[in-house]
C-alpha atoms as a PDB file:
ATOM      1  CA  MET A   1     104.275  85.343-119.042  1.00  0.00           C
ATOM      2  CA  ALA A   2     106.841  86.665-116.488  1.00  0.00           C
ATOM      3  CA  SER A   3     105.903  89.460-114.158  1.00  0.00           C
ATOM      4  CA  ASN A   4     108.484  92.239-113.483  1.00  0.00           C
ATOM      5  CA  VAL A   5     106.938  93.002-110.138  1.00  0.00           C
ATOM      6  CA  ASP A   6     109.526  92.919-107.240  1.00  0.00           C
ATOM      7  CA  PRO A   7     107.961  90.869-104.230  1.00  0.00           C
ATOM      8  CA  GLN A   8     109.373  93.424-101.798  1.00  0.00           C
ATOM      9  CA  ASP A   9     107.634  96.438-103.597  1.00  0.00           C
ATOM     10  CA  ALA A  10     104.612  94.264-103.345  1.00  0.00           C
ATOM     11  CA  ARG A  11     104.524  93.778 -99.755  1.00  0.00           C
ATOM     12  CA  ARG A  12     105.493  97.507 -99.223  1.00  0.00           C
ATOM     13  CA  ALA A  13     102.578  98.418-101.198  1.00  0.00           C
ATOM     14  CA  LEU A  14     100.474  96.175 -99.380  1.00  0.00           C
ATOM     15  CA  SER A  15     101.570  97.264 -95.898  1.00  0.00           C
ATOM     16  CA  GLY A  16     100.944 100.714 -97.100  1.00  0.00           C
ATOM     17  CA  LEU A  17      96.926  99.559 -97.595  1.00  0.00           C
ATOM     18  CA  ASP A  18      96.966  98.539 -93.867  1.00  0.00           C
ATOM     19  CA  THR A  19      98.221 101.979 -92.904  1.00  0.00           C
ATOM     20  CA  ASP A  20      95.995 103.775 -95.250  1.00  0.00           C
ATOM     21  CA  ARG A  21      92.862 101.900 -93.513  1.00  0.00           C
ATOM     22  CA  ALA A  22      93.839 102.709 -90.071  1.00  0.00           C
ATOM     23  CA  ARG A  23      94.020 106.372 -91.147  1.00  0.00           C
ATOM     24  CA  LEU A  24      90.714 106.173 -92.765  1.00  0.00           C
ATOM     25  CA  ALA A  25      89.264 104.260 -89.769  1.00  0.00           C
ATOM     26  CA  ALA A  26      90.475 107.288 -87.399  1.00  0.00           C
ATOM     27  CA  LYS A  27      88.864 109.754 -89.585  1.00  0.00           C
ATOM     28  CA  VAL A  28      85.494 108.280 -89.365  1.00  0.00           C
ATOM     29  CA  VAL A  29      84.357 110.272 -86.316  1.00  0.00           C
ATOM     30  CA  THR A  30      80.634 110.988 -86.137  1.00  0.00           C
ATOM     31  CA  PRO A  31      80.058 114.432 -84.294  1.00  0.00           C
ATOM     32  CA  ARG A  32      78.268 114.440 -80.976  1.00  0.00           C
ATOM     33  CA  TRP A  33      75.191 116.046 -82.326  1.00  0.00           C
ATOM     34  CA  TYR A  34      74.898 113.449 -85.115  1.00  0.00           C
ATOM     35  CA  HIS A  35      73.136 110.699 -83.522  1.00  0.00           C
ATOM     36  CA  PRO A  36      70.385 112.830 -81.474  1.00  0.00           C
ATOM     37  CA  VAL A  37      69.525 114.655 -84.869  1.00  0.00           C
ATOM     38  CA  TYR A  38      69.510 111.438 -86.478  1.00  0.00           C
ATOM     39  CA  ALA A  39      67.357 109.731 -83.690  1.00  0.00           C
ATOM     40  CA  SER A  40      64.821 112.758 -83.636  1.00  0.00           C
ATOM     41  CA  ILE A  41      64.188 112.500 -87.299  1.00  0.00           C
ATOM     42  CA  LEU A  42      63.406 108.871 -87.031  1.00  0.00           C
ATOM     43  CA  ALA A  43      61.237 109.258 -84.180  1.00  0.00           C
ATOM     44  CA  GLY A  44      59.600 112.282 -86.435  1.00  0.00           C
ATOM     45  CA  LEU A  45      58.907 109.545 -88.967  1.00  0.00           C
ATOM     46  CA  VAL A  46      57.222 107.291 -86.584  1.00  0.00           C
ATOM     47  CA  LEU A  47      55.025 109.761 -85.153  1.00  0.00           C
ATOM     48  CA  SER A  48      54.003 111.251 -88.764  1.00  0.00           C
ATOM     49  CA  GLN A  49      51.960 107.683 -89.028  1.00  0.00           C
ATOM     50  CA  ALA A  50      49.509 108.996 -86.485  1.00  0.00           C
ATOM     51  CA  LEU A  51      48.831 112.575 -88.347  1.00  0.00           C
ATOM     52  CA  PRO A  52      46.386 113.311 -90.773  1.00  0.00           C
ATOM     53  CA  PRO A  53      47.334 112.403 -94.376  1.00  0.00           C
ATOM     54  CA  PHE A  54      48.570 115.860 -95.488  1.00  0.00           C
ATOM     55  CA  TYR A  55      50.525 116.656 -92.330  1.00  0.00           C
ATOM     56  CA  GLY A  56      51.840 113.164 -92.151  1.00  0.00           C
ATOM     57  CA  LEU A  57      53.211 113.079 -95.428  1.00  0.00           C
ATOM     58  CA  THR A  58      54.669 116.800 -95.055  1.00  0.00           C
ATOM     59  CA  VAL A  59      56.484 115.269 -92.130  1.00  0.00           C
ATOM     60  CA  VAL A  60      57.689 112.415 -93.724  1.00  0.00           C
ATOM     61  CA  ILE A  61      58.985 114.741 -96.815  1.00  0.00           C
ATOM     62  CA  VAL A  62      60.764 117.181 -93.970  1.00  0.00           C
ATOM     63  CA  GLY A  63      62.417 114.014 -92.626  1.00  0.00           C
ATOM     64  CA  LEU A  64      63.774 112.713 -95.640  1.00  0.00           C
ATOM     65  CA  ILE A  65      65.082 116.078 -96.576  1.00  0.00           C
ATOM     66  CA  GLY A  66      66.574 115.979 -92.926  1.00  0.00           C
ATOM     67  CA  LEU A  67      68.181 112.908 -93.427  1.00  0.00           C
ATOM     68  CA  ILE A  68      69.835 113.704 -96.628  1.00  0.00           C
ATOM     69  CA  ALA A  69      70.870 117.241 -95.188  1.00  0.00           C
ATOM     70  CA  LEU A  70      72.515 115.367 -92.362  1.00  0.00           C
ATOM     71  CA  ARG A  71      74.292 113.072 -94.626  1.00  0.00           C
ATOM     72  CA  ILE A  72      75.505 115.779 -96.730  1.00  0.00           C
ATOM     73  CA  ALA A  73      76.666 118.149 -93.799  1.00  0.00           C
ATOM     74  CA  TYR A  74      78.739 115.042 -92.282  1.00  0.00           C
ATOM     75  CA  ASP A  75      80.240 114.252 -95.931  1.00  0.00           C
ATOM     76  CA  ARG A  76      81.159 117.943 -96.276  1.00  0.00           C
ATOM     77  CA  ARG A  77      82.475 118.163 -92.753  1.00  0.00           C
ATOM     78  CA  TYR A  78      84.851 115.376 -92.775  1.00  0.00           C
ATOM     79  CA  GLY A  79      85.254 114.737 -96.472  1.00  0.00           C
ATOM     80  CA  ILE A  80      84.464 111.022 -96.091  1.00  0.00           C
ATOM     81  CA  SER A  81      81.104 109.207 -97.635  1.00  0.00           C
ATOM     82  CA  PHE A  82      80.230 105.562 -97.336  1.00  0.00           C
ATOM     83  CA  THR A  83      77.404 104.711 -99.455  1.00  0.00           C
ATOM     84  CA  LYS A  84      77.248 101.175 -98.380  1.00  0.00           C
ATOM     85  CA  VAL A  85      77.846  99.031 -95.203  1.00  0.00           C
ATOM     86  CA  THR A  86      81.577  97.359 -95.007  1.00  0.00           C
ATOM     87  CA  GLY A  87      80.646  94.146 -93.140  1.00  0.00           C
ATOM     88  CA  ARG A  88      78.409  91.642 -91.192  1.00  0.00           C
ATOM     89  CA  ARG A  89      78.319  93.967 -88.035  1.00  0.00           C
ATOM     90  CA  THR A  90      77.379  97.247 -89.672  1.00  0.00           C
ATOM     91  CA  ARG A  91      74.886  95.190 -91.839  1.00  0.00           C
ATOM     92  CA  THR A  92      73.231  93.898 -88.800  1.00  0.00           C
ATOM     93  CA  LEU A  93      73.140  97.062 -86.924  1.00  0.00           C
ATOM     94  CA  MET A  94      71.822  98.996 -90.000  1.00  0.00           C
ATOM     95  CA  PHE A  95      68.898  96.502 -90.618  1.00  0.00           C
ATOM     96  CA  SER A  96      68.169  96.653 -86.944  1.00  0.00           C
ATOM     97  CA  VAL A  97      67.457 100.239 -86.935  1.00  0.00           C
ATOM     98  CA  ILE A  98      65.600  99.913 -89.796  1.00  0.00           C
ATOM     99  CA  GLY A  99      63.396  97.227 -88.605  1.00  0.00           C
ATOM    100  CA  VAL A 100      62.705  99.113 -85.437  1.00  0.00           C
ATOM    101  CA  LEU A 101      61.539 102.232 -87.761  1.00  0.00           C
ATOM    102  CA  VAL A 102      59.260 100.124 -89.748  1.00  0.00           C
ATOM    103  CA  ALA A 103      57.927  98.362 -86.890  1.00  0.00           C
ATOM    104  CA  GLY A 104      57.406 101.712 -85.186  1.00  0.00           C
ATOM    105  CA  MET A 105      55.677 103.253 -88.307  1.00  0.00           C
ATOM    106  CA  ILE A 106      53.485 100.017 -88.425  1.00  0.00           C
ATOM    107  CA  ALA A 107      52.734 100.270 -84.717  1.00  0.00           C
ATOM    108  CA  SER A 108      51.620 104.133 -85.003  1.00  0.00           C
ATOM    109  CA  ARG A 109      49.133 103.013 -87.838  1.00  0.00           C
ATOM    110  CA  VAL A 110      47.942 100.472 -85.622  1.00  0.00           C
ATOM    111  CA  ILE A 111      47.492 102.519 -82.843  1.00  0.00           C
ATOM    112  CA  VAL A 112      45.515 105.151 -85.040  1.00  0.00           C
ATOM    113  CA  ALA A 113      43.215 102.484 -86.569  1.00  0.00           C
ATOM    114  CA  THR A 114      42.266 101.020 -83.150  1.00  0.00           C
ATOM    115  CA  GLY A 115      41.270 103.957 -81.733  1.00  0.00           C
ATOM    116  CA  ALA A 116      43.286 103.987 -78.950  1.00  0.00           C
ATOM    117  CA  SER A 117      44.738 107.283 -77.377  1.00  0.00           C
ATOM    118  CA  LEU A 118      47.190 109.116 -79.755  1.00  0.00           C
ATOM    119  CA  TRP A 119      49.565 109.329 -76.625  1.00  0.00           C
ATOM    120  CA  TRP A 120      50.304 105.817 -77.345  1.00  0.00           C
ATOM    121  CA  VAL A 121      52.223 106.611 -80.368  1.00  0.00           C
ATOM    122  CA  LEU A 122      54.898 108.217 -78.171  1.00  0.00           C
ATOM    123  CA  VAL A 123      56.074 104.613 -77.245  1.00  0.00           C
ATOM    124  CA  PRO A 124      57.181 103.422 -80.687  1.00  0.00           C
ATOM    125  CA  ALA A 125      58.435 107.028 -81.333  1.00  0.00           C
ATOM    126  CA  ALA A 126      60.608 106.737 -77.992  1.00  0.00           C
ATOM    127  CA  ILE A 127      61.794 103.181 -78.982  1.00  0.00           C
ATOM    128  CA  ALA A 128      62.960 104.292 -82.332  1.00  0.00           C
ATOM    129  CA  PHE A 129      64.586 107.431 -80.769  1.00  0.00           C
ATOM    130  CA  VAL A 130      66.496 105.467 -78.234  1.00  0.00           C
ATOM    131  CA  THR A 131      67.208 102.632 -80.988  1.00  0.00           C
ATOM    132  CA  ALA A 132      68.869 105.232 -83.043  1.00  0.00           C
ATOM    133  CA  LEU A 133      70.581 106.945 -80.283  1.00  0.00           C
ATOM    134  CA  VAL A 134      72.117 103.618 -78.678  1.00  0.00           C
ATOM    135  CA  LEU A 135      72.903 101.754 -82.142  1.00  0.00           C
ATOM    136  CA  GLY A 136      74.476 104.730 -83.880  1.00  0.00           C
ATOM    137  CA  PRO A 137      77.703 104.967 -82.048  1.00  0.00           C
ATOM    138  CA  ARG A 138      77.796 101.208 -82.017  1.00  0.00           C
ATOM    139  CA  TYR A 139      77.596 101.262 -85.704  1.00  0.00           C
ATOM    140  CA  ASP A 140      80.463 103.806 -85.972  1.00  0.00           C
ATOM    141  CA  ASP A 141      82.549 101.527 -83.913  1.00  0.00           C
ATOM    142  CA  ALA A 142      81.885  98.652 -85.990  1.00  0.00           C
ATOM    143  CA  LEU A 143      82.462 100.592 -89.073  1.00  0.00           C
ATOM    144  CA  ARG A 144      85.825 101.702 -87.907  1.00  0.00           C
ATOM    145  CA  ARG A 145      86.861  98.085 -86.986  1.00  0.00           C
ATOM    146  CA  GLU A 146      85.568  96.676 -90.368  1.00  0.00           C
ATOM    147  CA  ILE A 147      87.392  99.339 -92.337  1.00  0.00           C
ATOM    148  CA  VAL A 148      90.941  98.605 -90.535  1.00  0.00           C
ATOM    149  CA  ALA A 149      90.070  94.706 -91.036  1.00  0.00           C
ATOM    150  CA  ARG A 150      89.322  94.891 -94.644  1.00  0.00           C
END
């Protein structure tokens, strides 16, 4: 079966996709307030593990609502929503932040279980905060590069 598609039209359409990807990547700009708010929420989730059950659960619920609200605010502000990572680098960065969050939550539980001073919980919370603050912009940069490269 023969195709009626002109090869020149196909090339123009593909080059248009490259332009569209570059334009989309340029729109993926995270506001200055986003990563500090995100990092604060993650630190709060780590700290929640050292609180009594009712208060800890309340902080977790508020944190999850905060993460959802943060995502919705970003999506509405910029009109762009990414629901999954686009490549190997963004996947690695995302799992790094999740890993540090989980490790921090476990560390907080261990600190409480061993009877150590609760001030020690600030260490894993600070590590989660700094990790999110540092890796967040790197994730954004990697996402922009991966969008253009696809």
